[in-house]
Each structure stands twice: as structure tokens, then as C-alpha cells.
N, C-alpha and C. Protein backbone atom coordinates (compact mmCIF):
# COMPACT_ATOMS: atom_id res chain seq x y z
N MET A 1 81.07 128.94 89.93
CA MET A 1 79.67 128.74 90.24
C MET A 1 79.60 127.98 91.58
N LYS A 2 78.64 128.47 92.38
CA LYS A 2 78.43 127.89 93.72
C LYS A 2 77.70 126.48 93.63
N LYS A 3 78.03 125.60 94.52
CA LYS A 3 77.25 124.38 94.54
C LYS A 3 75.98 124.57 95.48
N PRO A 4 74.95 123.94 95.10
CA PRO A 4 73.80 124.10 95.96
C PRO A 4 74.01 123.22 97.27
N SER A 5 73.33 123.62 98.29
CA SER A 5 73.43 123.03 99.68
C SER A 5 73.18 121.51 99.67
N SER A 6 72.23 121.08 98.68
CA SER A 6 72.01 119.75 98.76
C SER A 6 73.16 118.89 98.24
N LYS A 7 73.91 119.46 97.34
CA LYS A 7 75.10 118.70 96.77
C LYS A 7 76.18 118.65 97.78
N ILE A 8 76.26 119.70 98.59
CA ILE A 8 77.29 119.86 99.63
C ILE A 8 77.00 118.85 100.72
N ARG A 9 75.71 118.65 101.13
CA ARG A 9 75.22 117.68 102.02
C ARG A 9 75.58 116.30 101.64
N ASP A 10 75.24 115.95 100.24
CA ASP A 10 75.60 114.73 99.73
C ASP A 10 77.10 114.40 99.80
N GLU A 11 77.86 115.31 99.47
CA GLU A 11 79.40 115.11 99.53
C GLU A 11 79.79 114.93 100.98
N ILE A 12 79.14 115.58 101.97
CA ILE A 12 79.39 115.43 103.33
C ILE A 12 79.10 113.96 103.70
N ALA A 13 77.94 113.48 103.48
CA ALA A 13 77.44 112.18 103.77
C ALA A 13 78.41 111.15 103.22
N LYS A 14 78.89 111.27 102.01
CA LYS A 14 79.89 110.32 101.36
C LYS A 14 81.11 110.39 102.07
N LEU A 15 81.61 111.54 102.43
CA LEU A 15 82.92 111.58 103.21
C LEU A 15 82.70 110.97 104.54
N GLN A 16 81.57 111.25 105.24
CA GLN A 16 81.42 110.62 106.63
C GLN A 16 81.45 108.98 106.43
N GLU A 17 80.84 108.53 105.43
CA GLU A 17 80.95 107.09 105.17
C GLU A 17 82.21 106.55 104.95
N GLN A 18 82.98 107.36 104.08
CA GLN A 18 84.45 106.97 103.90
C GLN A 18 85.14 107.07 105.14
N LEU A 19 84.97 107.92 105.98
CA LEU A 19 85.68 108.04 107.37
C LEU A 19 85.35 106.84 108.20
N ARG A 20 84.04 106.47 108.20
CA ARG A 20 83.65 105.37 109.03
C ARG A 20 84.25 104.13 108.48
N THR A 21 84.31 103.86 107.21
CA THR A 21 85.02 102.71 106.62
C THR A 21 86.49 102.66 107.04
N ALA A 22 87.16 103.83 106.81
CA ALA A 22 88.61 103.93 107.14
C ALA A 22 88.82 103.64 108.60
N GLU A 23 88.06 104.14 109.47
CA GLU A 23 88.29 103.97 110.94
C GLU A 23 88.05 102.54 111.29
N THR A 24 87.06 101.84 110.62
CA THR A 24 86.84 100.44 110.85
C THR A 24 88.04 99.64 110.53
N ARG A 25 88.50 99.92 109.24
CA ARG A 25 89.67 99.10 108.68
C ARG A 25 90.89 99.33 109.63
N GLU A 26 91.08 100.57 110.07
CA GLU A 26 92.22 100.82 111.00
C GLU A 26 92.06 100.13 112.35
N ALA A 27 90.88 100.16 112.82
CA ALA A 27 90.59 99.45 114.11
C ALA A 27 90.74 97.91 114.02
N GLU A 28 90.41 97.39 113.01
CA GLU A 28 90.57 95.93 112.78
C GLU A 28 92.01 95.60 112.58
N ARG A 29 92.73 96.37 111.91
CA ARG A 29 94.16 96.15 111.82
C ARG A 29 94.87 96.24 113.21
N ILE A 30 94.64 97.33 113.91
CA ILE A 30 95.26 97.51 115.21
C ILE A 30 94.76 96.31 116.12
N GLY A 31 93.59 95.92 116.05
CA GLY A 31 92.98 94.83 116.86
C GLY A 31 93.77 93.57 116.57
N ARG A 32 93.86 93.22 115.36
CA ARG A 32 94.63 92.07 114.97
C ARG A 32 96.07 92.05 115.52
N ILE A 33 96.71 93.18 115.35
CA ILE A 33 98.12 93.25 115.92
C ILE A 33 98.13 93.07 117.43
N ALA A 34 97.08 93.70 118.00
CA ALA A 34 97.17 93.61 119.51
C ALA A 34 96.93 92.25 120.00
N LEU A 35 96.01 91.45 119.27
CA LEU A 35 95.76 90.16 119.63
C LEU A 35 96.93 89.23 119.55
N LYS A 36 97.61 89.52 118.29
CA LYS A 36 98.86 88.74 118.08
C LYS A 36 99.95 88.95 119.16
N ALA A 37 99.97 90.24 119.64
CA ALA A 37 100.90 90.50 120.64
C ALA A 37 100.47 89.92 121.98
N GLY A 38 99.36 89.43 122.21
CA GLY A 38 98.85 88.86 123.48
C GLY A 38 98.09 89.78 124.30
N LEU A 39 97.65 91.00 123.84
CA LEU A 39 96.91 91.90 124.63
C LEU A 39 95.58 91.39 124.94
N GLY A 40 95.11 90.48 124.25
CA GLY A 40 93.66 90.00 124.54
C GLY A 40 93.58 89.15 125.81
N GLU A 41 94.75 88.67 126.28
CA GLU A 41 94.78 87.79 127.39
C GLU A 41 95.18 88.59 128.59
N ILE A 42 95.54 89.88 128.55
CA ILE A 42 95.87 90.58 129.74
C ILE A 42 94.74 91.32 130.32
N GLU A 43 94.51 91.24 131.57
CA GLU A 43 93.49 91.90 132.24
C GLU A 43 94.04 93.31 132.72
N ILE A 44 93.57 94.25 132.14
CA ILE A 44 94.08 95.72 132.33
C ILE A 44 92.94 96.59 132.11
N ASP A 45 93.00 97.68 133.03
CA ASP A 45 91.98 98.77 132.80
C ASP A 45 92.07 99.36 131.41
N GLU A 46 90.93 99.78 130.81
CA GLU A 46 90.91 100.26 129.58
C GLU A 46 91.67 101.60 129.46
N ALA A 47 91.58 102.44 130.47
CA ALA A 47 92.30 103.61 130.49
C ALA A 47 93.83 103.51 130.52
N GLU A 48 94.23 102.46 131.21
CA GLU A 48 95.77 102.13 131.31
C GLU A 48 96.08 101.66 129.94
N LEU A 49 95.38 100.79 129.24
CA LEU A 49 95.70 100.38 128.01
C LEU A 49 95.79 101.36 126.96
N GLN A 50 94.86 102.27 126.99
CA GLN A 50 94.92 103.44 126.04
C GLN A 50 96.12 104.31 126.25
N ALA A 51 96.52 104.54 127.62
CA ALA A 51 97.73 105.27 127.93
C ALA A 51 98.89 104.58 127.28
N ALA A 52 98.92 103.29 127.37
CA ALA A 52 100.15 102.59 126.89
C ALA A 52 100.14 102.72 125.35
N PHE A 53 98.93 102.63 124.69
CA PHE A 53 98.90 102.78 123.21
C PHE A 53 99.32 104.28 122.80
N GLU A 54 98.98 105.17 123.71
CA GLU A 54 99.42 106.59 123.36
C GLU A 54 100.86 106.76 123.41
N ASP A 55 101.47 106.06 124.56
CA ASP A 55 102.96 106.06 124.57
C ASP A 55 103.66 105.54 123.36
N VAL A 56 103.06 104.41 122.95
CA VAL A 56 103.57 103.72 121.66
C VAL A 56 103.54 104.59 120.47
N ALA A 57 102.32 105.24 120.31
CA ALA A 57 102.08 106.22 119.18
C ALA A 57 103.05 107.36 119.28
N LYS A 58 103.16 107.86 120.46
CA LYS A 58 104.24 109.04 120.62
C LYS A 58 105.60 108.57 120.34
N ARG A 59 105.99 107.27 120.70
CA ARG A 59 107.28 106.85 120.31
C ARG A 59 107.52 106.79 118.84
N PHE A 60 106.46 106.29 118.18
CA PHE A 60 106.75 106.17 116.68
C PHE A 60 106.45 107.42 115.95
N ARG A 61 105.90 108.50 116.53
CA ARG A 61 105.78 109.76 116.02
C ARG A 61 107.09 110.53 116.21
N GLY A 62 107.99 110.09 117.06
CA GLY A 62 109.08 110.71 117.35
C GLY A 62 108.97 111.87 118.36
N GLY A 63 107.86 111.71 119.19
CA GLY A 63 107.54 112.64 120.13
C GLY A 63 106.73 113.88 119.75
N LYS A 64 106.45 114.00 118.46
CA LYS A 64 105.78 115.16 117.84
C LYS A 64 104.23 115.05 118.03
N ALA A 65 103.58 115.95 118.65
CA ALA A 65 102.16 115.88 118.74
C ALA A 65 101.66 116.39 117.50
N GLY A 66 100.47 115.74 117.10
CA GLY A 66 99.78 116.04 115.85
C GLY A 66 100.34 115.58 114.63
N SER A 67 101.30 114.56 114.69
CA SER A 67 101.84 113.85 113.47
C SER A 67 100.81 112.95 112.91
N ASN A 68 100.85 112.80 111.68
CA ASN A 68 99.87 111.88 110.94
C ASN A 68 100.35 110.51 111.00
N GLY A 69 101.52 110.05 111.53
CA GLY A 69 101.89 108.81 111.65
C GLY A 69 102.60 108.22 110.43
N LYS A 70 102.69 109.01 109.33
CA LYS A 70 103.41 108.49 108.11
C LYS A 70 104.86 108.73 108.15
N GLU A 71 105.25 109.60 109.07
CA GLU A 71 106.76 109.84 109.16
C GLU A 71 107.58 108.56 109.71
N ARG A 72 108.63 108.38 109.17
CA ARG A 72 109.42 107.00 109.56
C ARG A 72 110.54 107.44 110.37
N GLY A 73 110.73 108.67 110.78
CA GLY A 73 111.85 108.87 111.66
C GLY A 73 111.51 108.66 113.19
N GLY A 74 112.49 108.65 114.02
CA GLY A 74 112.27 108.50 115.42
C GLY A 74 112.69 107.14 115.93
N ALA A 75 112.60 106.86 117.19
CA ALA A 75 112.93 105.62 117.83
C ALA A 75 112.03 104.56 117.49
N GLY A 76 112.56 103.44 117.24
CA GLY A 76 111.86 102.13 116.99
C GLY A 76 111.08 102.16 115.63
N SER A 77 111.20 102.95 114.80
CA SER A 77 110.46 103.03 113.54
C SER A 77 110.71 101.68 112.63
N GLY A 78 109.67 101.07 112.19
CA GLY A 78 109.89 100.04 111.30
C GLY A 78 110.02 98.67 111.91
N ASN A 79 109.95 98.46 113.21
CA ASN A 79 110.09 97.11 113.82
C ASN A 79 108.84 96.77 114.68
N PRO A 80 107.89 95.98 113.97
CA PRO A 80 106.78 95.72 114.74
C PRO A 80 106.99 94.72 116.11
N ALA A 81 108.12 94.10 116.06
CA ALA A 81 108.36 93.27 117.27
C ALA A 81 108.66 94.27 118.45
N GLU A 82 109.31 95.32 118.22
CA GLU A 82 109.48 96.34 119.25
C GLU A 82 108.26 96.93 119.71
N THR A 83 107.21 97.09 118.90
CA THR A 83 105.98 97.68 119.27
C THR A 83 105.30 96.70 120.16
N ALA A 84 105.28 95.36 119.82
CA ALA A 84 104.62 94.38 120.71
C ALA A 84 105.35 94.34 121.95
N ALA A 85 106.62 94.33 122.15
CA ALA A 85 107.28 94.19 123.35
C ALA A 85 107.05 95.43 124.24
N VAL A 86 107.05 96.57 123.63
CA VAL A 86 106.83 97.78 124.46
C VAL A 86 105.35 97.72 124.98
N THR A 87 104.42 97.46 124.09
CA THR A 87 103.08 97.48 124.53
C THR A 87 102.75 96.42 125.67
N ARG A 88 103.32 95.18 125.42
CA ARG A 88 103.11 94.25 126.32
C ARG A 88 103.78 94.52 127.70
N GLY A 89 105.00 95.00 127.53
CA GLY A 89 105.72 95.40 128.80
C GLY A 89 104.89 96.54 129.63
N ALA A 90 104.49 97.53 128.87
CA ALA A 90 103.81 98.65 129.46
C ALA A 90 102.45 98.10 130.22
N ALA A 91 101.74 97.22 129.53
CA ALA A 91 100.55 96.59 130.07
C ALA A 91 100.80 95.77 131.29
N GLN A 92 101.81 94.92 131.18
CA GLN A 92 102.07 93.99 132.28
C GLN A 92 102.73 94.66 133.47
N GLY A 93 103.33 95.67 133.20
CA GLY A 93 104.06 96.37 134.40
C GLY A 93 103.10 97.48 135.09
N SER A 94 101.86 97.50 134.79
CA SER A 94 100.95 98.55 135.27
C SER A 94 100.25 98.24 136.53
N GLY A 95 100.43 97.14 137.16
CA GLY A 95 99.94 96.80 138.34
C GLY A 95 99.12 95.49 138.20
N SER A 96 98.25 95.18 139.16
CA SER A 96 97.53 93.83 139.22
C SER A 96 96.09 94.09 139.39
N GLU A 97 95.51 94.98 138.58
CA GLU A 97 94.12 95.20 138.57
C GLU A 97 93.48 94.09 137.78
N ALA A 98 92.35 93.58 138.31
CA ALA A 98 91.58 92.49 137.70
C ALA A 98 90.24 92.86 137.40
């Protein structure tokens, strides 16, 4: 039996809300970690900081594009101190933009 379009729209709305909640939770987690690592004190262009985060993400994914991040293989997996050091080093070594 097919679902009416109104039920499908309701399901989509619920899923969109779940997505917003999950993204907020993830952003808060990453933000807390970044602040603990000292990134809040570094003056850096947002594009450069995003590039540094993308490098860290790629490192933890083992260089595989499109990974969901749940895989534990690859360099540096499982050590948060390494993540902070890599991110901090990448941010500090990017020049003196203020």
C-alpha cells in the first residue's frame, strides 16, 4: 500500500529536525574539542582553518574520500592528543594573518 504524500512530508519534516539536532550536537562536540586545543585563541582566516580541519579529517579517514568517519584504520586513529597537535600546528604555521 502506498503512503499518502502528507505522511511522506511529515516523515521528511521529522527527519530534517533529527538532522538539525544531530548536526548541532556534532558542532558543539567539535567546538568544545577545538577550544580545549586552543583554537579559540588563534587568529586565522576561516578558510585556512577549514582547510586544516579537512586535512585532519582526511588523515583520520585514512585518505579515503567519502568515508563516514567510523572506520578506525589509518594514521593517528584513536589519539585525540595527536589531533590537537596537528590542528594547532597547521593553524599556527599558516602565516600571520590578523
